[in-house]
């Protein structure tokens, strides 16, 4: 009985950790691309505004 329960809990923990890791990676990638996009917009806007 108890052995099975620990296995199930371990599997759930691993799943949660994987989901958290994937989420963190996705968020950081999105943040980086967002920062890059903002940088490009700022540079282009600066080039357009500056005579």
PDB file of N, CA and C in Angstrom:
ATOM      1  N   UNK A   1       0.787  -1.217   0.000  1.00  0.00           N
ATOM      2  CA  UNK A   1       0.000   0.000   0.000  1.00  0.00           C
ATOM      3  C   UNK A   1       0.816   1.262   0.000  1.00  0.00           C
ATOM      4  N   UNK A   2       1.651   1.426   1.029  1.00  0.00           N
ATOM      5  CA  UNK A   2       2.349   2.705   1.163  1.00  0.00           C
ATOM      6  C   UNK A   2       3.357   2.937   0.033  1.00  0.00           C
ATOM      7  N   UNK A   3       4.000   1.854  -0.397  1.00  0.00           N
ATOM      8  CA  UNK A   3       4.984   1.993  -1.470  1.00  0.00           C
ATOM      9  C   UNK A   3       4.361   2.591  -2.718  1.00  0.00           C
ATOM     10  N   UNK A   4       3.179   2.109  -3.056  1.00  0.00           N
ATOM     11  CA  UNK A   4       2.489   2.620  -4.240  1.00  0.00           C
ATOM     12  C   UNK A   4       2.198   4.111  -4.094  1.00  0.00           C
ATOM     13  N   UNK A   5       1.780   4.508  -2.896  1.00  0.00           N
ATOM     14  CA  UNK A   5       1.411   5.901  -2.658  1.00  0.00           C
ATOM     15  C   UNK A   5       2.619   6.811  -2.874  1.00  0.00           C
ATOM     16  N   UNK A   6       3.782   6.404  -2.338  1.00  0.00           N
ATOM     17  CA  UNK A   6       4.984   7.224  -2.517  1.00  0.00           C
ATOM     18  C   UNK A   6       5.330   7.340  -3.989  1.00  0.00           C
ATOM     19  N   UNK A   7       5.183   6.235  -4.731  1.00  0.00           N
ATOM     20  CA  UNK A   7       5.464   6.278  -6.168  1.00  0.00           C
ATOM     21  C   UNK A   7       4.568   7.293  -6.862  1.00  0.00           C
ATOM     22  N   UNK A   8       3.278   7.254  -6.510  1.00  0.00           N
ATOM     23  CA  UNK A   8       2.324   8.182  -7.129  1.00  0.00           C
ATOM     24  C   UNK A   8       2.697   9.617  -6.793  1.00  0.00           C
ATOM     25  N   UNK A   9       3.016   9.859  -5.513  1.00  0.00           N
ATOM     26  CA  UNK A   9       3.390  11.216  -5.082  1.00  0.00           C
ATOM     27  C   UNK A   9       4.652  11.663  -5.811  1.00  0.00           C
ATOM     28  N   UNK A  10       5.646  10.768  -5.913  1.00  0.00           N
ATOM     29  CA  UNK A  10       6.880  11.099  -6.621  1.00  0.00           C
ATOM     30  C   UNK A  10       6.585  11.479  -8.073  1.00  0.00           C
ATOM     31  N   UNK A  11       5.740  10.684  -8.737  1.00  0.00           N
ATOM     32  CA  UNK A  11       5.393  10.957 -10.127  1.00  0.00           C
ATOM     33  C   UNK A  11       4.727  12.320 -10.248  1.00  0.00           C
ATOM     34  N   UNK A  12       3.837  12.628  -9.300  1.00  0.00           N
ATOM     35  CA  UNK A  12       3.145  13.918  -9.331  1.00  0.00           C
ATOM     36  C   UNK A  12       4.137  15.057  -9.136  1.00  0.00           C
ATOM     37  N   UNK A  13       5.072  14.870  -8.189  1.00  0.00           N
ATOM     38  CA  UNK A  13       6.082  15.901  -7.930  1.00  0.00           C
ATOM     39  C   UNK A  13       6.920  16.149  -9.178  1.00  0.00           C
ATOM     40  N   UNK A  14       7.343  15.056  -9.829  1.00  0.00           N
ATOM     41  CA  UNK A  14       8.143  15.191 -11.053  1.00  0.00           C
ATOM     42  C   UNK A  14       7.357  15.955 -12.108  1.00  0.00           C
ATOM     43  N   UNK A  15       6.074  15.598 -12.254  1.00  0.00           N
ATOM     44  CA  UNK A  15       5.233  16.275 -13.242  1.00  0.00           C
ATOM     45  C   UNK A  15       5.136  17.765 -12.938  1.00  0.00           C
ATOM     46  N   UNK A  16       4.905  18.088 -11.663  1.00  0.00           N
ATOM     47  CA  UNK A  16       4.797  19.496 -11.259  1.00  0.00           C
ATOM     48  C   UNK A  16       6.100  20.229 -11.556  1.00  0.00           C
ATOM     49  N   UNK A  17       7.230  19.600 -11.220  1.00  0.00           N
ATOM     50  CA  UNK A  17       8.532  20.232 -11.464  1.00  0.00           C
ATOM     51  C   UNK A  17       8.741  20.477 -12.954  1.00  0.00           C
ATOM     52  N   UNK A  18       8.379  19.490 -13.778  1.00  0.00           N
ATOM     53  CA  UNK A  18       8.528  19.644 -15.229  1.00  0.00           C
ATOM     54  C   UNK A  18       7.674  20.807 -15.726  1.00  0.00           C
ATOM     55  N   UNK A  19       6.427  20.866 -15.252  1.00  0.00           N
ATOM     56  CA  UNK A  19       5.529  21.948 -15.677  1.00  0.00           C
ATOM     57  C   UNK A  19       6.102  23.301 -15.270  1.00  0.00           C
ATOM     58  N   UNK A  20       6.594  23.389 -14.029  1.00  0.00           N
ATOM     59  CA  UNK A  20       7.178  24.646 -13.545  1.00  0.00           C
ATOM     60  C   UNK A  20       8.389  25.032 -14.389  1.00  0.00           C
ATOM     61  N   UNK A  21       9.264  24.057 -14.667  1.00  0.00           N
ATOM     62  CA  UNK A  21      10.464  24.332 -15.455  1.00  0.00           C
ATOM     63  C   UNK A  21      10.089  24.825 -16.852  1.00  0.00           C
ATOM     64  N   UNK A  22       9.138  24.139 -17.490  1.00  0.00           N
ATOM     65  CA  UNK A  22       8.705  24.543 -18.835  1.00  0.00           C
ATOM     66  C   UNK A  22       8.117  25.948 -18.801  1.00  0.00           C
ATOM     67  N   UNK A  23       7.316  26.227 -17.768  1.00  0.00           N
ATOM     68  CA  UNK A  23       6.701  27.550 -17.646  1.00  0.00           C
ATOM     69  C   UNK A  23       7.763  28.628 -17.489  1.00  0.00           C
ATOM     70  N   UNK A  24       8.746  28.373 -16.625  1.00  0.00           N
ATOM     71  CA  UNK A  24       9.821  29.351 -16.396  1.00  0.00           C
ATOM     72  C   UNK A  24      10.583  29.615 -17.695  1.00  0.00           C
ATOM     73  N   UNK A  25      10.923  28.543 -18.413  1.00  0.00           N
ATOM     74  CA  UNK A  25      11.647  28.702 -19.677  1.00  0.00           C
ATOM     75  C   UNK A  25      10.808  29.497 -20.670  1.00  0.00           C
ATOM     76  N   UNK A  26       9.526  29.150 -20.787  1.00  0.00           N
ATOM     77  CA  UNK A  26       8.651  29.846 -21.731  1.00  0.00           C
ATOM     78  C   UNK A  26       8.546  31.324 -21.383  1.00  0.00           C
ATOM     79  N   UNK A  27       8.393  31.619 -20.094  1.00  0.00           N
ATOM     80  CA  UNK A  27       8.259  33.016 -19.664  1.00  0.00           C
ATOM     81  C   UNK A  27       9.543  33.789 -19.953  1.00  0.00           C
ATOM     82  N   UNK A  28      10.703  33.190 -19.665  1.00  0.00           N
ATOM     83  CA  UNK A  28      11.958  33.898 -19.891  1.00  0.00           C
ATOM     84  C   UNK A  28      12.201  34.116 -21.384  1.00  0.00           C
ATOM     85  N   UNK A  29      11.858  33.119 -22.207  1.00  0.00           N
ATOM     86  CA  UNK A  29      11.998  33.279 -23.658  1.00  0.00           C
ATOM     87  C   UNK A  29      11.074  34.392 -24.154  1.00  0.00           C
ATOM     88  N   UNK A  30       9.834  34.388 -23.669  1.00  0.00           N
ATOM     89  CA  UNK A  30       8.881  35.428 -24.063  1.00  0.00           C
ATOM     90  C   UNK A  30       9.379  36.795 -23.622  1.00  0.00           C
ATOM     91  N   UNK A  31       9.915  36.881 -22.408  1.00  0.00           N
ATOM     92  CA  UNK A  31      10.424  38.154 -21.897  1.00  0.00           C
ATOM     93  C   UNK A  31      11.592  38.645 -22.751  1.00  0.00           C
ATOM     94  N   UNK A  32      12.486  37.707 -23.143  1.00  0.00           N
ATOM     95  CA  UNK A  32      13.637  38.098 -23.957  1.00  0.00           C
ATOM     96  C   UNK A  32      13.193  38.594 -25.329  1.00  0.00           C
ATOM     97  N   UNK A  33      12.282  37.876 -25.968  1.00  0.00           N
ATOM     98  CA  UNK A  33      11.825  38.301 -27.294  1.00  0.00           C
ATOM     99  C   UNK A  33      11.060  39.612 -27.195  1.00  0.00           C
ATOM    100  N   UNK A  34      10.298  39.783 -26.104  1.00  0.00           N
ATOM    101  CA  UNK A  34       9.576  41.037 -25.889  1.00  0.00           C
ATOM    102  C   UNK A  34      10.570  42.180 -25.727  1.00  0.00           C
ATOM    103  N   UNK A  35      11.614  41.960 -24.926  1.00  0.00           N
ATOM    104  CA  UNK A  35      12.640  42.984 -24.726  1.00  0.00           C
ATOM    105  C   UNK A  35      13.325  43.310 -26.056  1.00  0.00           C
ATOM    106  N   UNK A  36      13.614  42.288 -26.855  1.00  0.00           N
ATOM    107  CA  UNK A  36      14.246  42.508 -28.152  1.00  0.00           C
ATOM    108  C   UNK A  36      13.326  43.319 -29.059  1.00  0.00           C
ATOM    109  N   UNK A  37      12.036  42.972 -29.070  1.00  0.00           N
ATOM    110  CA  UNK A  37      11.071  43.700 -29.899  1.00  0.00           C
ATOM    111  C   UNK A  37      10.988  45.154 -29.463  1.00  0.00           C
ATOM    112  N   UNK A  38      10.929  45.386 -28.146  1.00  0.00           N
ATOM    113  CA  UNK A  38      10.872  46.760 -27.636  1.00  0.00           C
ATOM    114  C   UNK A  38      12.138  47.511 -28.035  1.00  0.00           C
ATOM    115  N   UNK A  39      13.291  46.859 -27.920  1.00  0.00           N
ATOM    116  CA  UNK A  39      14.552  47.485 -28.316  1.00  0.00           C
ATOM    117  C   UNK A  39      14.534  47.892 -29.777  1.00  0.00           C
ATOM    118  N   UNK A  40      14.063  46.995 -30.645  1.00  0.00           N
ATOM    119  CA  UNK A  40      13.985  47.308 -32.077  1.00  0.00           C
ATOM    120  C   UNK A  40      13.053  48.492 -32.304  1.00  0.00           C
ATOM    121  N   UNK A  41      11.893  48.483 -31.647  1.00  0.00           N
ATOM    122  CA  UNK A  41      10.931  49.576 -31.804  1.00  0.00           C
ATOM    123  C   UNK A  41      11.557  50.893 -31.360  1.00  0.00           C
ATOM    124  N   UNK A  42      12.249  50.871 -30.217  1.00  0.00           N
ATOM    125  CA  UNK A  42      12.884  52.089 -29.704  1.00  0.00           C
ATOM    126  C   UNK A  42      13.936  52.596 -30.688  1.00  0.00           C
ATOM    127  N   UNK A  43      14.756  51.694 -31.209  1.00  0.00           N
ATOM    128  CA  UNK A  43      15.808  52.094 -32.156  1.00  0.00           C
ATOM    129  C   UNK A  43      15.185  52.680 -33.420  1.00  0.00           C
ATOM    130  N   UNK A  44      14.171  51.999 -33.957  1.00  0.00           N
ATOM    131  CA  UNK A  44      13.510  52.478 -35.175  1.00  0.00           C
ATOM    132  C   UNK A  44      12.848  53.826 -34.917  1.00  0.00           C
ATOM    133  N   UNK A  45      12.146  53.938 -33.787  1.00  0.00           N
ATOM    134  CA  UNK A  45      11.483  55.195 -33.446  1.00  0.00           C
ATOM    135  C   UNK A  45      12.520  56.308 -33.306  1.00  0.00           C
ATOM    136  N   UNK A  46      13.629  56.001 -32.648  1.00  0.00           N
ATOM    137  CA  UNK A  46      14.690  56.996 -32.502  1.00  0.00           C
ATOM    138  C   UNK A  46      15.233  57.426 -33.848  1.00  0.00           C
ATOM    139  N   UNK A  47      15.435  56.468 -34.755  1.00  0.00           N
ATOM    140  CA  UNK A  47      15.957  56.789 -36.080  1.00  0.00           C
ATOM    141  C   UNK A  47      14.954  57.638 -36.854  1.00  0.00           C
ATOM    142  N   UNK A  48      13.657  57.355 -36.688  1.00  0.00           N
ATOM    143  CA  UNK A  48      12.627  58.099 -37.413  1.00  0.00           C
ATOM    144  C   UNK A  48      12.476  59.500 -36.834  1.00  0.00           C
ATOM    145  N   UNK A  49      12.454  59.587 -35.489  1.00  0.00           N
ATOM    146  CA  UNK A  49      12.231  60.884 -34.843  1.00  0.00           C
ATOM    147  C   UNK A  49      13.433  61.802 -35.043  1.00  0.00           C
ATOM    148  N   UNK A  50      14.637  61.250 -34.889  1.00  0.00           N
ATOM    149  CA  UNK A  50      15.840  62.079 -35.011  1.00  0.00           C
ATOM    150  C   UNK A  50      16.040  62.468 -36.471  1.00  0.00           C
ATOM    151  N   UNK A  51      16.129  63.748 -36.745  1.00  0.00           N
ATOM    152  CA  UNK A  51      16.302  64.186 -38.136  1.00  0.00           C
ATOM    153  C   UNK A  51      17.706  63.892 -38.674  1.00  0.00           C
TER     154      UNK A  51
END
